[in-house]
PDB file of N, CA and C in Angstrom:
ATOM      1  N   MET A   1     -12.661 -32.971-111.405  1.00  0.00           N
ATOM      2  CA  MET A   1     -13.444 -32.861-110.115  1.00  0.00           C
ATOM      3  C   MET A   1     -13.331 -33.669-109.094  1.00  0.00           C
ATOM      4  N   SER A   2     -13.462 -33.861-107.819  1.00  0.00           N
ATOM      5  CA  SER A   2     -13.327 -34.850-106.718  1.00  0.00           C
ATOM      6  C   SER A   2     -14.920 -34.641-105.826  1.00  0.00           C
ATOM      7  N   THR A   3     -15.285 -35.520-105.253  1.00  0.00           N
ATOM      8  CA  THR A   3     -16.439 -36.269-104.811  1.00  0.00           C
ATOM      9  C   THR A   3     -16.019 -36.976-103.075  1.00  0.00           C
ATOM     10  N   LYS A   4     -16.738 -36.181-102.391  1.00  0.00           N
ATOM     11  CA  LYS A   4     -16.193 -37.441-101.021  1.00  0.00           C
ATOM     12  C   LYS A   4     -17.556 -38.349-100.644  1.00  0.00           C
ATOM     13  N   VAL A   5     -16.890 -39.588-100.539  1.00  0.00           N
ATOM     14  CA  VAL A   5     -18.205 -40.705-100.397  1.00  0.00           C
ATOM     15  C   VAL A   5     -17.704 -41.551 -99.290  1.00  0.00           C
ATOM     16  N   SER A   6     -18.272 -41.183 -98.073  1.00  0.00           N
ATOM     17  CA  SER A   6     -18.285 -41.731 -97.173  1.00  0.00           C
ATOM     18  C   SER A   6     -17.201 -42.212 -96.465  1.00  0.00           C
ATOM     19  N   GLY A   7     -16.682 -40.415 -95.650  1.00  0.00           N
ATOM     20  CA  GLY A   7     -15.207 -40.183 -95.653  1.00  0.00           C
ATOM     21  C   GLY A   7     -13.573 -40.189 -96.863  1.00  0.00           C
ATOM     22  N   GLN A   8     -14.003 -41.113 -97.476  1.00  0.00           N
ATOM     23  CA  GLN A   8     -13.382 -41.275 -98.639  1.00  0.00           C
ATOM     24  C   GLN A   8     -13.323 -39.719 -99.608  1.00  0.00           C
ATOM     25  N   LEU A   9     -11.812 -39.574-100.637  1.00  0.00           N
ATOM     26  CA  LEU A   9     -11.988 -38.590-101.570  1.00  0.00           C
ATOM     27  C   LEU A   9     -12.349 -39.358-102.799  1.00  0.00           C
ATOM     28  N   THR A  10     -13.281 -39.604-103.973  1.00  0.00           N
ATOM     29  CA  THR A  10     -12.640 -40.215-105.224  1.00  0.00           C
ATOM     30  C   THR A  10     -12.530 -39.080-106.131  1.00  0.00           C
ATOM     31  N   ARG A  11     -12.747 -39.695-107.398  1.00  0.00           N
ATOM     32  CA  ARG A  11     -12.010 -38.699-108.123  1.00  0.00           C
ATOM     33  C   ARG A  11     -12.773 -39.396-109.438  1.00  0.00           C
ATOM     34  N   LEU A  12     -13.835 -38.371-109.865  1.00  0.00           N
ATOM     35  CA  LEU A  12     -14.318 -38.455-111.101  1.00  0.00           C
ATOM     36  C   LEU A  12     -13.401 -38.593-112.673  1.00  0.00           C
ATOM     37  N   HIS A  13     -13.861 -39.379-113.103  1.00  0.00           N
ATOM     38  CA  HIS A  13     -12.923 -39.230-114.716  1.00  0.00           C
ATOM     39  C   HIS A  13     -13.481 -38.792-115.879  1.00  0.00           C
ATOM     40  N   GLU A  14     -12.660 -37.747-116.188  1.00  0.00           N
ATOM     41  CA  GLU A  14     -12.584 -36.609-117.341  1.00  0.00           C
ATOM     42  C   GLU A  14     -13.517 -37.420-118.112  1.00  0.00           C
ATOM     43  N   THR A  15     -13.914 -38.326-118.993  1.00  0.00           N
ATOM     44  CA  THR A  15     -14.912 -38.923-120.203  1.00  0.00           C
ATOM     45  C   THR A  15     -16.314 -39.567-119.070  1.00  0.00           C
ATOM     46  N   HIS A  16     -16.302 -39.408-117.905  1.00  0.00           N
ATOM     47  CA  HIS A  16     -17.534 -39.965-117.208  1.00  0.00           C
ATOM     48  C   HIS A  16     -18.387 -39.156-117.862  1.00  0.00           C
ATOM     49  N   THR A  17     -20.192 -39.990-117.830  1.00  0.00           N
ATOM     50  CA  THR A  17     -21.145 -39.640-118.824  1.00  0.00           C
ATOM     51  C   THR A  17     -21.420 -38.285-118.032  1.00  0.00           C
ATOM     52  N   CYS A  18     -21.248 -38.187-116.317  1.00  0.00           N
ATOM     53  CA  CYS A  18     -21.666 -37.116-115.811  1.00  0.00           C
ATOM     54  C   CYS A  18     -20.631 -35.832-115.565  1.00  0.00           C
ATOM     55  N   PHE A  19     -19.508 -36.565-116.274  1.00  0.00           N
ATOM     56  CA  PHE A  19     -18.420 -34.828-115.838  1.00  0.00           C
ATOM     57  C   PHE A  19     -19.002 -33.750-116.330  1.00  0.00           C
ATOM     58  N   ILE A  20     -19.126 -33.382-117.642  1.00  0.00           N
ATOM     59  CA  ILE A  20     -19.263 -32.240-118.306  1.00  0.00           C
ATOM     60  C   ILE A  20     -20.875 -31.343-118.027  1.00  0.00           C
ATOM     61  N   PRO A  21     -21.750 -32.541-117.457  1.00  0.00           N
ATOM     62  CA  PRO A  21     -23.328 -31.662-116.778  1.00  0.00           C
ATOM     63  C   PRO A  21     -22.660 -31.011-115.445  1.00  0.00           C
ATOM     64  N   LEU A  22     -21.690 -32.382-114.927  1.00  0.00           N
ATOM     65  CA  LEU A  22     -21.602 -31.147-113.326  1.00  0.00           C
ATOM     66  C   LEU A  22     -20.823 -30.448-113.410  1.00  0.00           C
ATOM     67  N   GLN A  23     -19.524 -30.262-113.774  1.00  0.00           N
ATOM     68  CA  GLN A  23     -18.534 -28.904-113.886  1.00  0.00           C
ATOM     69  C   GLN A  23     -19.336 -28.176-114.680  1.00  0.00           C
ATOM     70  N   TYR A  24     -20.057 -28.093-115.442  1.00  0.00           N
ATOM     71  CA  TYR A  24     -20.798 -26.527-116.110  1.00  0.00           C
ATOM     72  C   TYR A  24     -22.148 -26.697-116.049  1.00  0.00           C
ATOM     73  N   PRO A  25     -22.856 -26.399-115.194  1.00  0.00           N
ATOM     74  CA  PRO A  25     -24.229 -26.769-114.684  1.00  0.00           C
ATOM     75  C   PRO A  25     -24.622 -25.471-115.476  1.00  0.00           C
ATOM     76  N   LEU A  26     -24.498 -24.046-115.318  1.00  0.00           N
ATOM     77  CA  LEU A  26     -25.113 -23.390-116.313  1.00  0.00           C
ATOM     78  C   LEU A  26     -25.289 -23.385-117.811  1.00  0.00           C
ATOM     79  N   ILE A  27     -24.822 -24.186-118.344  1.00  0.00           N
ATOM     80  CA  ILE A  27     -24.782 -24.728-119.742  1.00  0.00           C
ATOM     81  C   ILE A  27     -25.441 -25.856-119.777  1.00  0.00           C
ATOM     82  N   PHE A  28     -25.427 -27.140-118.748  1.00  0.00           N
ATOM     83  CA  PHE A  28     -25.828 -27.962-118.658  1.00  0.00           C
ATOM     84  C   PHE A  28     -27.056 -28.278-117.894  1.00  0.00           C
ATOM     85  N   PRO A  29     -28.185 -27.000-118.474  1.00  0.00           N
ATOM     86  CA  PRO A  29     -29.236 -26.950-116.891  1.00  0.00           C
ATOM     87  C   PRO A  29     -29.746 -28.238-116.957  1.00  0.00           C
ATOM     88  N   TYR A  30     -30.135 -28.998-117.771  1.00  0.00           N
ATOM     89  CA  TYR A  30     -30.678 -30.448-117.621  1.00  0.00           C
ATOM     90  C   TYR A  30     -29.902 -31.654-117.782  1.00  0.00           C
ATOM     91  N   GLU A  31     -28.676 -31.180-117.267  1.00  0.00           N
ATOM     92  CA  GLU A  31     -28.025 -32.296-117.536  1.00  0.00           C
ATOM     93  C   GLU A  31     -27.730 -33.213-118.649  1.00  0.00           C
ATOM     94  N   GLU A  32     -28.162 -32.803-119.327  1.00  0.00           N
ATOM     95  CA  GLU A  32     -27.849 -33.523-120.825  1.00  0.00           C
ATOM     96  C   GLU A  32     -26.782 -33.011-121.410  1.00  0.00           C
ATOM     97  N   GLY A  33     -25.849 -33.799-122.394  1.00  0.00           N
ATOM     98  CA  GLY A  33     -24.594 -33.732-122.882  1.00  0.00           C
ATOM     99  C   GLY A  33     -23.804 -34.306-122.632  1.00  0.00           C
ATOM    100  N   GLY A  34     -23.686 -35.207-121.501  1.00  0.00           N
ATOM    101  CA  GLY A  34     -22.595 -36.185-121.288  1.00  0.00           C
ATOM    102  C   GLY A  34     -22.238 -36.942-122.221  1.00  0.00           C
ATOM    103  N   TYR A  35     -20.746 -36.678-122.619  1.00  0.00           N
ATOM    104  CA  TYR A  35     -19.968 -37.880-123.449  1.00  0.00           C
ATOM    105  C   TYR A  35     -20.254 -39.666-122.935  1.00  0.00           C
ATOM    106  N   GLN A  36     -19.945 -40.205-123.400  1.00  0.00           N
ATOM    107  CA  GLN A  36     -20.650 -41.648-123.712  1.00  0.00           C
ATOM    108  C   GLN A  36     -19.871 -42.877-123.979  1.00  0.00           C
ATOM    109  N   GLU A  37     -19.188 -43.493-124.161  1.00  0.00           N
ATOM    110  CA  GLU A  37     -18.266 -44.101-124.918  1.00  0.00           C
ATOM    111  C   GLU A  37     -18.468 -45.442-125.745  1.00  0.00           C
ATOM    112  N   ASP A  38     -19.809 -45.612-125.780  1.00  0.00           N
ATOM    113  CA  ASP A  38     -20.344 -46.397-126.232  1.00  0.00           C
ATOM    114  C   ASP A  38     -21.855 -45.946-127.706  1.00  0.00           C
ATOM    115  N   ILE A  39     -21.277 -44.410-127.653  1.00  0.00           N
ATOM    116  CA  ILE A  39     -22.287 -44.586-128.662  1.00  0.00           C
ATOM    117  C   ILE A  39     -22.029 -44.295-130.357  1.00  0.00           C
ATOM    118  N   PRO A  40     -22.837 -45.268-131.013  1.00  0.00           N
ATOM    119  CA  PRO A  40     -22.552 -45.920-132.330  1.00  0.00           C
ATOM    120  C   PRO A  40     -22.385 -44.473-133.141  1.00  0.00           C
ATOM    121  N   VAL A  41     -21.797 -44.837-134.540  1.00  0.00           N
ATOM    122  CA  VAL A  41     -21.389 -43.801-135.285  1.00  0.00           C
ATOM    123  C   VAL A  41     -22.751 -44.544-136.593  1.00  0.00           C
ATOM    124  N   ARG A  42     -23.531 -43.273-137.006  1.00  0.00           N
ATOM    125  CA  ARG A  42     -24.688 -43.495-137.853  1.00  0.00           C
ATOM    126  C   ARG A  42     -24.220 -43.989-138.885  1.00  0.00           C
ATOM    127  N   ASP A  43     -24.824 -45.341-139.402  1.00  0.00           N
ATOM    128  CA  ASP A  43     -24.424 -45.887-140.459  1.00  0.00           C
ATOM    129  C   ASP A  43     -24.568 -45.468-141.826  1.00  0.00           C
ATOM    130  N   CYS A  44     -23.516 -45.210-142.297  1.00  0.00           N
ATOM    131  CA  CYS A  44     -23.783 -43.908-144.144  1.00  0.00           C
ATOM    132  C   CYS A  44     -22.527 -44.870-144.714  1.00  0.00           C
ATOM    133  N   HIS A  45     -23.142 -45.916-145.045  1.00  0.00           N
ATOM    134  CA  HIS A  45     -22.077 -46.527-146.501  1.00  0.00           C
ATOM    135  C   HIS A  45     -21.545 -45.382-147.852  1.00  0.00           C
ATOM    136  N   LYS A  46     -20.428 -45.453-148.231  1.00  0.00           N
ATOM    137  CA  LYS A  46     -19.941 -44.474-149.194  1.00  0.00           C
ATOM    138  C   LYS A  46     -18.840 -45.447-150.213  1.00  0.00           C
ATOM    139  N   TYR A  47     -19.531 -45.765-151.010  1.00  0.00           N
ATOM    140  CA  TYR A  47     -19.099 -46.385-152.206  1.00  0.00           C
ATOM    141  C   TYR A  47     -18.433 -47.603-151.658  1.00  0.00           C
ATOM    142  N   GLY A  48     -19.578 -48.390-150.952  1.00  0.00           N
ATOM    143  CA  GLY A  48     -19.169 -49.635-150.423  1.00  0.00           C
ATOM    144  C   GLY A  48     -18.138 -50.006-149.533  1.00  0.00           C
ATOM    145  N   GLN A  49     -17.600 -48.516-148.652  1.00  0.00           N
ATOM    146  CA  GLN A  49     -16.846 -48.817-147.715  1.00  0.00           C
ATOM    147  C   GLN A  49     -17.427 -49.132-146.182  1.00  0.00           C
ATOM    148  N   SER A  50     -16.393 -50.040-145.882  1.00  0.00           N
ATOM    149  CA  SER A  50     -17.064 -49.711-144.205  1.00  0.00           C
ATOM    150  C   SER A  50     -15.917 -48.838-143.058  1.00  0.00           C
ATOM    151  N   ARG A  51     -16.532 -48.607-142.590  1.00  0.00           N
ATOM    152  CA  ARG A  51     -15.877 -47.965-141.528  1.00  0.00           C
ATOM    153  C   ARG A  51     -15.323 -48.623-140.313  1.00  0.00           C
ATOM    154  N   LYS A  52     -14.105 -48.036-140.213  1.00  0.00           N
ATOM    155  CA  LYS A  52     -13.078 -48.941-139.154  1.00  0.00           C
ATOM    156  C   LYS A  52     -13.838 -48.444-137.758  1.00  0.00           C
ATOM    157  N   ARG A  53     -14.094 -47.414-137.603  1.00  0.00           N
ATOM    158  CA  ARG A  53     -14.653 -47.247-136.209  1.00  0.00           C
ATOM    159  C   ARG A  53     -15.584 -47.028-136.120  1.00  0.00           C
ATOM    160  N   ILE A  54     -17.093 -47.825-135.102  1.00  0.00           N
ATOM    161  CA  ILE A  54     -17.932 -47.976-135.118  1.00  0.00           C
ATOM    162  C   ILE A  54     -18.038 -47.355-134.031  1.00  0.00           C
ATOM    163  N   ARG A  55     -17.678 -46.218-133.101  1.00  0.00           N
ATOM    164  CA  ARG A  55     -17.596 -45.617-131.986  1.00  0.00           C
ATOM    165  C   ARG A  55     -17.377 -43.708-132.363  1.00  0.00           C
ATOM    166  N   ILE A  56     -18.546 -43.436-131.470  1.00  0.00           N
ATOM    167  CA  ILE A  56     -18.097 -41.901-131.930  1.00  0.00           C
ATOM    168  C   ILE A  56     -16.970 -41.474-130.867  1.00  0.00           C
ATOM    169  N   SER A  57     -16.046 -40.963-131.213  1.00  0.00           N
ATOM    170  CA  SER A  57     -14.652 -40.192-130.094  1.00  0.00           C
ATOM    171  C   SER A  57     -15.313 -38.973-129.517  1.00  0.00           C
ATOM    172  N   LEU A  58     -14.671 -38.615-128.596  1.00  0.00           N
ATOM    173  CA  LEU A  58     -14.971 -37.629-127.799  1.00  0.00           C
ATOM    174  C   LEU A  58     -14.705 -36.389-128.555  1.00  0.00           C
ATOM    175  N   ARG A  59     -13.760 -36.252-129.587  1.00  0.00           N
ATOM    176  CA  ARG A  59     -13.255 -35.223-130.012  1.00  0.00           C
ATOM    177  C   ARG A  59     -14.397 -34.718-130.890  1.00  0.00           C
ATOM    178  N   GLU A  60     -14.748 -35.870-131.761  1.00  0.00           N
ATOM    179  CA  GLU A  60     -16.272 -35.396-132.411  1.00  0.00           C
ATOM    180  C   GLU A  60     -17.417 -34.931-131.814  1.00  0.00           C
ATOM    181  N   PHE A  61     -17.753 -35.603-130.438  1.00  0.00           N
ATOM    182  CA  PHE A  61     -18.710 -35.281-129.581  1.00  0.00           C
ATOM    183  C   PHE A  61     -18.627 -34.045-129.180  1.00  0.00           C
ATOM    184  N   ILE A  62     -17.220 -33.663-128.772  1.00  0.00           N
ATOM    185  CA  ILE A  62     -17.311 -32.244-128.521  1.00  0.00           C
ATOM    186  C   ILE A  62     -17.885 -31.003-129.592  1.00  0.00           C
ATOM    187  N   ALA A  63     -17.481 -31.820-130.753  1.00  0.00           N
ATOM    188  CA  ALA A  63     -17.118 -30.677-132.014  1.00  0.00           C
ATOM    189  C   ALA A  63     -18.881 -30.360-132.257  1.00  0.00           C
ATOM    190  N   PHE A  64     -19.750 -31.656-132.236  1.00  0.00           N
ATOM    191  CA  PHE A  64     -20.653 -31.125-132.348  1.00  0.00           C
ATOM    192  C   PHE A  64     -21.605 -30.606-131.170  1.00  0.00           C
ATOM    193  N   ARG A  65     -21.460 -31.182-129.551  1.00  0.00           N
ATOM    194  CA  ARG A  65     -21.474 -29.879-128.844  1.00  0.00           C
ATOM    195  C   ARG A  65     -21.797 -28.234-128.859  1.00  0.00           C
ATOM    196  N   ILE A  66     -20.386 -28.119-129.685  1.00  0.00           N
ATOM    197  CA  ILE A  66     -20.191 -26.415-129.718  1.00  0.00           C
ATOM    198  C   ILE A  66     -20.718 -26.223-130.921  1.00  0.00           C
ATOM    199  N   GLN A  67     -21.588 -26.632-132.000  1.00  0.00           N
ATOM    200  CA  GLN A  67     -21.931 -25.915-133.403  1.00  0.00           C
ATOM    201  C   GLN A  67     -23.062 -25.403-132.679  1.00  0.00           C
ATOM    202  N   ASP A  68     -23.023 -24.087-133.448  1.00  0.00           N
ATOM    203  CA  ASP A  68     -23.889 -23.039-133.844  1.00  0.00           C
ATOM    204  C   ASP A  68     -25.655 -23.547-133.881  1.00  0.00           C
ATOM    205  N   ARG A  69     -26.365 -24.024-133.937  1.00  0.00           N
ATOM    206  CA  ARG A  69     -27.260 -24.458-134.624  1.00  0.00           C
ATOM    207  C   ARG A  69     -28.652 -23.436-134.369  1.00  0.00           C
ATOM    208  N   LYS A  70     -29.416 -23.279-135.642  1.00  0.00           N
ATOM    209  CA  LYS A  70     -30.492 -22.415-135.957  1.00  0.00           C
ATOM    210  C   LYS A  70     -32.176 -23.069-135.030  1.00  0.00           C
ATOM    211  N   VAL A  71     -31.940 -24.309-135.219  1.00  0.00           N
ATOM    212  CA  VAL A  71     -33.770 -24.740-134.562  1.00  0.00           C
ATOM    213  C   VAL A  71     -33.117 -24.980-132.806  1.00  0.00           C
ATOM    214  N   GLU A  72     -31.878 -24.878-132.378  1.00  0.00           N
ATOM    215  CA  GLU A  72     -32.099 -24.704-130.735  1.00  0.00           C
ATOM    216  C   GLU A  72     -31.172 -23.152-130.370  1.00  0.00           C
ATOM    217  N   PHE A  73     -31.491 -23.273-129.414  1.00  0.00           N
ATOM    218  CA  PHE A  73     -30.517 -22.265-128.359  1.00  0.00           C
ATOM    219  C   PHE A  73     -29.211 -22.546-127.858  1.00  0.00           C
ATOM    220  N   GLY A  74     -28.543 -22.129-128.649  1.00  0.00           N
ATOM    221  CA  GLY A  74     -26.811 -22.453-128.227  1.00  0.00           C
ATOM    222  C   GLY A  74     -26.435 -21.802-126.757  1.00  0.00           C
ATOM    223  N   ASN A  75     -26.577 -22.844-125.857  1.00  0.00           N
ATOM    224  CA  ASN A  75     -26.318 -22.597-124.518  1.00  0.00           C
ATOM    225  C   ASN A  75     -24.916 -22.672-124.357  1.00  0.00           C
ATOM    226  N   VAL A  76     -24.274 -23.781-125.578  1.00  0.00           N
ATOM    227  CA  VAL A  76     -22.735 -23.909-125.093  1.00  0.00           C
ATOM    228  C   VAL A  76     -22.094 -22.753-125.789  1.00  0.00           C
ATOM    229  N   VAL A  77     -22.574 -22.048-127.173  1.00  0.00           N
ATOM    230  CA  VAL A  77     -21.995 -20.931-127.773  1.00  0.00           C
ATOM    231  C   VAL A  77     -21.659 -19.457-127.399  1.00  0.00           C
ATOM    232  N   ASN A  78     -23.629 -19.522-126.517  1.00  0.00           N
ATOM    233  CA  ASN A  78     -23.536 -18.089-126.161  1.00  0.00           C
ATOM    234  C   ASN A  78     -23.281 -17.799-124.687  1.00  0.00           C
ATOM    235  N   SER A  79     -22.056 -18.421-124.309  1.00  0.00           N
ATOM    236  CA  SER A  79     -22.169 -18.682-122.927  1.00  0.00           C
ATOM    237  C   SER A  79     -20.677 -17.762-122.355  1.00  0.00           C
ATOM    238  N   ARG A  80     -20.184 -17.161-123.600  1.00  0.00           N
ATOM    239  CA  ARG A  80     -19.406 -16.088-123.339  1.00  0.00           C
ATOM    240  C   ARG A  80     -17.964 -16.563-122.578  1.00  0.00           C
ATOM    241  N   ARG A  81     -17.359 -16.202-121.337  1.00  0.00           N
ATOM    242  CA  ARG A  81     -16.343 -16.557-121.352  1.00  0.00           C
ATOM    243  C   ARG A  81     -16.057 -17.774-120.257  1.00  0.00           C
ATOM    244  N   LEU A  82     -17.612 -18.532-120.337  1.00  0.00           N
ATOM    245  CA  LEU A  82     -18.101 -19.643-119.759  1.00  0.00           C
ATOM    246  C   LEU A  82     -17.587 -20.972-120.607  1.00  0.00           C
ATOM    247  N   PHE A  83     -17.902 -20.358-122.041  1.00  0.00           N
ATOM    248  CA  PHE A  83     -17.706 -21.008-123.462  1.00  0.00           C
ATOM    249  C   PHE A  83     -16.115 -21.089-123.421  1.00  0.00           C
ATOM    250  N   GLN A  84     -15.553 -20.039-123.434  1.00  0.00           N
ATOM    251  CA  GLN A  84     -14.109 -20.309-123.593  1.00  0.00           C
ATOM    252  C   GLN A  84     -13.341 -21.023-122.531  1.00  0.00           C
ATOM    253  N   GLN A  85     -13.732 -21.422-121.083  1.00  0.00           N
ATOM    254  CA  GLN A  85     -13.542 -22.384-120.423  1.00  0.00           C
ATOM    255  C   GLN A  85     -13.967 -23.946-120.649  1.00  0.00           C
ATOM    256  N   PHE A  86     -14.857 -23.069-121.165  1.00  0.00           N
ATOM    257  CA  PHE A  86     -15.571 -25.431-121.539  1.00  0.00           C
ATOM    258  C   PHE A  86     -14.203 -25.955-123.012  1.00  0.00           C
ATOM    259  N   LEU A  87     -14.162 -24.968-123.566  1.00  0.00           N
ATOM    260  CA  LEU A  87     -13.169 -25.560-124.820  1.00  0.00           C
ATOM    261  C   LEU A  87     -11.767 -25.969-124.032  1.00  0.00           C
ATOM    262  N   VAL A  88     -11.401 -25.097-123.524  1.00  0.00           N
ATOM    263  CA  VAL A  88     -10.221 -25.277-122.638  1.00  0.00           C
ATOM    264  C   VAL A  88     -10.435 -26.824-121.716  1.00  0.00           C
ATOM    265  N   ASP A  89     -10.994 -27.397-121.145  1.00  0.00           N
ATOM    266  CA  ASP A  89     -11.281 -28.354-120.565  1.00  0.00           C
ATOM    267  C   ASP A  89     -11.805 -29.193-121.277  1.00  0.00           C
ATOM    268  N   THR A  90     -12.245 -29.018-122.222  1.00  0.00           N
ATOM    269  CA  THR A  90     -12.707 -30.118-123.346  1.00  0.00           C
ATOM    270  C   THR A  90     -11.268 -30.413-123.665  1.00  0.00           C
ATOM    271  N   TYR A  91     -10.471 -29.780-124.350  1.00  0.00           N
ATOM    272  CA  TYR A  91      -9.412 -29.579-125.094  1.00  0.00           C
ATOM    273  C   TYR A  91      -8.209 -30.673-124.511  1.00  0.00           C
ATOM    274  N   THR A  92      -8.166 -30.195-122.711  1.00  0.00           N
ATOM    275  CA  THR A  92      -7.610 -31.121-122.087  1.00  0.00           C
ATOM    276  C   THR A  92      -8.082 -32.663-122.115  1.00  0.00           C
ATOM    277  N   MET A  93      -9.422 -32.853-122.040  1.00  0.00           N
ATOM    278  CA  MET A  93      -9.924 -34.195-121.787  1.00  0.00           C
ATOM    279  C   MET A  93      -9.505 -34.959-122.941  1.00  0.00           C
ATOM    280  N   ILE A  94     -10.030 -34.410-124.246  1.00  0.00           N
ATOM    281  CA  ILE A  94      -9.243 -34.686-124.867  1.00  0.00           C
ATOM    282  C   ILE A  94      -8.021 -35.432-125.277  1.00  0.00           C
ATOM    283  N   GLU A  95      -7.131 -34.390-125.001  1.00  0.00           N
ATOM    284  CA  GLU A  95      -5.518 -34.830-124.918  1.00  0.00           C
ATOM    285  C   GLU A  95      -5.299 -35.869-123.907  1.00  0.00           C
ATOM    286  N   ALA A  96      -6.222 -35.848-122.606  1.00  0.00           N
ATOM    287  CA  ALA A  96      -6.027 -36.771-121.466  1.00  0.00           C
ATOM    288  C   ALA A  96      -6.057 -38.120-122.104  1.00  0.00           C
ATOM    289  N   GLN A  97      -7.804 -37.780-122.888  1.00  0.00           N
ATOM    290  CA  GLN A  97      -7.874 -39.512-123.365  1.00  0.00           C
ATOM    291  C   GLN A  97      -6.979 -39.958-124.722  1.00  0.00           C
ATOM    292  N   SER A  98      -6.172 -38.958-125.069  1.00  0.00           N
ATOM    293  CA  SER A  98      -5.420 -39.671-126.419  1.00  0.00           C
ATOM    294  C   SER A  98      -3.727 -39.762-125.392  1.00  0.00           C
ATOM    295  N   LEU A  99      -3.222 -39.564-124.493  1.00  0.00           N
ATOM    296  CA  LEU A  99      -2.309 -39.984-123.606  1.00  0.00           C
ATOM    297  C   LEU A  99      -2.915 -41.188-123.117  1.00  0.00           C
ATOM    298  N   SER A 100      -3.833 -41.370-122.319  1.00  0.00           N
ATOM    299  CA  SER A 100      -4.049 -42.629-121.534  1.00  0.00           C
ATOM    300  C   SER A 100      -4.302 -43.245-122.292  1.00  0.00           C
ATOM    301  N   PHE A 101      -4.765 -43.547-123.682  1.00  0.00           N
ATOM    302  CA  PHE A 101      -4.679 -44.569-124.870  1.00  0.00           C
ATOM    303  C   PHE A 101      -3.156 -45.023-125.037  1.00  0.00           C
ATOM    304  N   ILE A 102      -2.813 -44.014-125.132  1.00  0.00           N
ATOM    305  CA  ILE A 102      -1.066 -44.507-125.646  1.00  0.00           C
ATOM    306  C   ILE A 102      -0.303 -45.080-123.831  1.00  0.00           C
ATOM    307  N   ARG A 103      -0.869 -44.495-122.939  1.00  0.00           N
ATOM    308  CA  ARG A 103      -0.230 -45.541-121.640  1.00  0.00           C
ATOM    309  C   ARG A 103      -0.643 -46.893-121.510  1.00  0.00           C
ATOM    310  N   ASN A 104      -1.930 -46.870-122.492  1.00  0.00           N
ATOM    311  CA  ASN A 104      -2.896 -48.612-122.120  1.00  0.00           C
ATOM    312  C   ASN A 104      -2.235 -49.405-123.130  1.00  0.00           C
ATOM    313  N   ASN A 105      -1.917 -48.726-124.329  1.00  0.00           N
ATOM    314  CA  ASN A 105      -1.572 -49.864-125.745  1.00  0.00           C
ATOM    315  C   ASN A 105      -0.224 -49.372-126.076  1.00  0.00           C
ATOM    316  N   GLN A 106       0.921 -49.253-124.778  1.00  0.00           N
ATOM    317  CA  GLN A 106       2.510 -49.336-125.708  1.00  0.00           C
ATOM    318  C   GLN A 106       2.372 -50.851-126.196  1.00  0.00           C
ATOM    319  N   ASN A 107       2.320 -51.670-125.955  1.00  0.00           N
ATOM    320  CA  ASN A 107       2.250 -53.295-126.861  1.00  0.00           C
ATOM    321  C   ASN A 107       2.400 -53.228-128.099  1.00  0.00           C
ATOM    322  N   LEU A 108       0.788 -52.758-128.298  1.00  0.00           N
ATOM    323  CA  LEU A 108       0.224 -52.528-129.958  1.00  0.00           C
ATOM    324  C   LEU A 108       1.545 -51.496-130.584  1.00  0.00           C
ATOM    325  N   ILE A 109       1.450 -50.549-129.917  1.00  0.00           N
ATOM    326  CA  ILE A 109       2.342 -48.963-130.521  1.00  0.00           C
ATOM    327  C   ILE A 109       3.339 -49.553-130.984  1.00  0.00           C
ATOM    328  N   ARG A 110       4.158 -50.070-129.953  1.00  0.00           N
ATOM    329  CA  ARG A 110       5.727 -50.628-129.854  1.00  0.00           C
ATOM    330  C   ARG A 110       5.840 -51.972-130.936  1.00  0.00           C
ATOM    331  N   SER A 111       4.660 -52.693-130.858  1.00  0.00           N
ATOM    332  CA  SER A 111       5.150 -53.551-132.119  1.00  0.00           C
ATOM    333  C   SER A 111       4.791 -52.901-133.144  1.00  0.00           C
ATOM    334  N   ASP A 112       3.954 -52.506-133.792  1.00  0.00           N
ATOM    335  CA  ASP A 112       3.891 -51.633-135.100  1.00  0.00           C
ATOM    336  C   ASP A 112       5.188 -50.889-135.729  1.00  0.00           C
ATOM    337  N   ILE A 113       5.710 -50.268-134.481  1.00  0.00           N
ATOM    338  CA  ILE A 113       7.046 -49.922-134.927  1.00  0.00           C
ATOM    339  C   ILE A 113       7.951 -50.873-135.024  1.00  0.00           C
ATOM    340  N   LEU A 114       8.116 -51.458-134.576  1.00  0.00           N
ATOM    341  CA  LEU A 114       9.402 -52.494-134.132  1.00  0.00           C
ATOM    342  C   LEU A 114       9.085 -53.655-135.471  1.00  0.00           C
ATOM    343  N   ASN A 115       7.893 -53.885-135.545  1.00  0.00           N
ATOM    344  CA  ASN A 115       7.237 -54.915-136.120  1.00  0.00           C
ATOM    345  C   ASN A 115       8.608 -55.338-137.907  1.00  0.00           C
ATOM    346  N   GLY A 116       9.093 -54.099-138.567  1.00  0.00           N
ATOM    347  CA  GLY A 116       9.941 -54.552-139.510  1.00  0.00           C
ATOM    348  C   GLY A 116      11.292 -54.320-139.236  1.00  0.00           C
ATOM    349  N   LEU A 117      11.717 -54.387-138.039  1.00  0.00           N
ATOM    350  CA  LEU A 117      13.169 -54.167-137.687  1.00  0.00           C
ATOM    351  C   LEU A 117      13.924 -55.382-137.234  1.00  0.00           C
ATOM    352  N   GLN A 118      13.840 -56.639-138.331  1.00  0.00           N
ATOM    353  CA  GLN A 118      14.193 -57.443-137.668  1.00  0.00           C
ATOM    354  C   GLN A 118      15.428 -58.063-138.588  1.00  0.00           C
TER     355      GLN A 118
END
């Protein structure tokens, strides 16, 4: 999605908070449902173990949004063909986030692979 600001064309990143509500105004008419990278994982301590991750991933957020609930009307699930397009777009968002992690953390990834090769 691109926006024009003072004569320049700027690109809105896929993980921006406003991306999903702006891309799908029929599904999210009140601009709710934007993904934020600082959503904490709810504290649940199982058998004295601590969590490795403390933030919700984009995949977990999308999985939460597409669940059909009895207590609220599911605009996302009941939007038929738009729901299918939403799933395709969110899948590409998740894959793009994964690829950007790999691109930005090459030193960490390669050091883990090459650690035992001396």
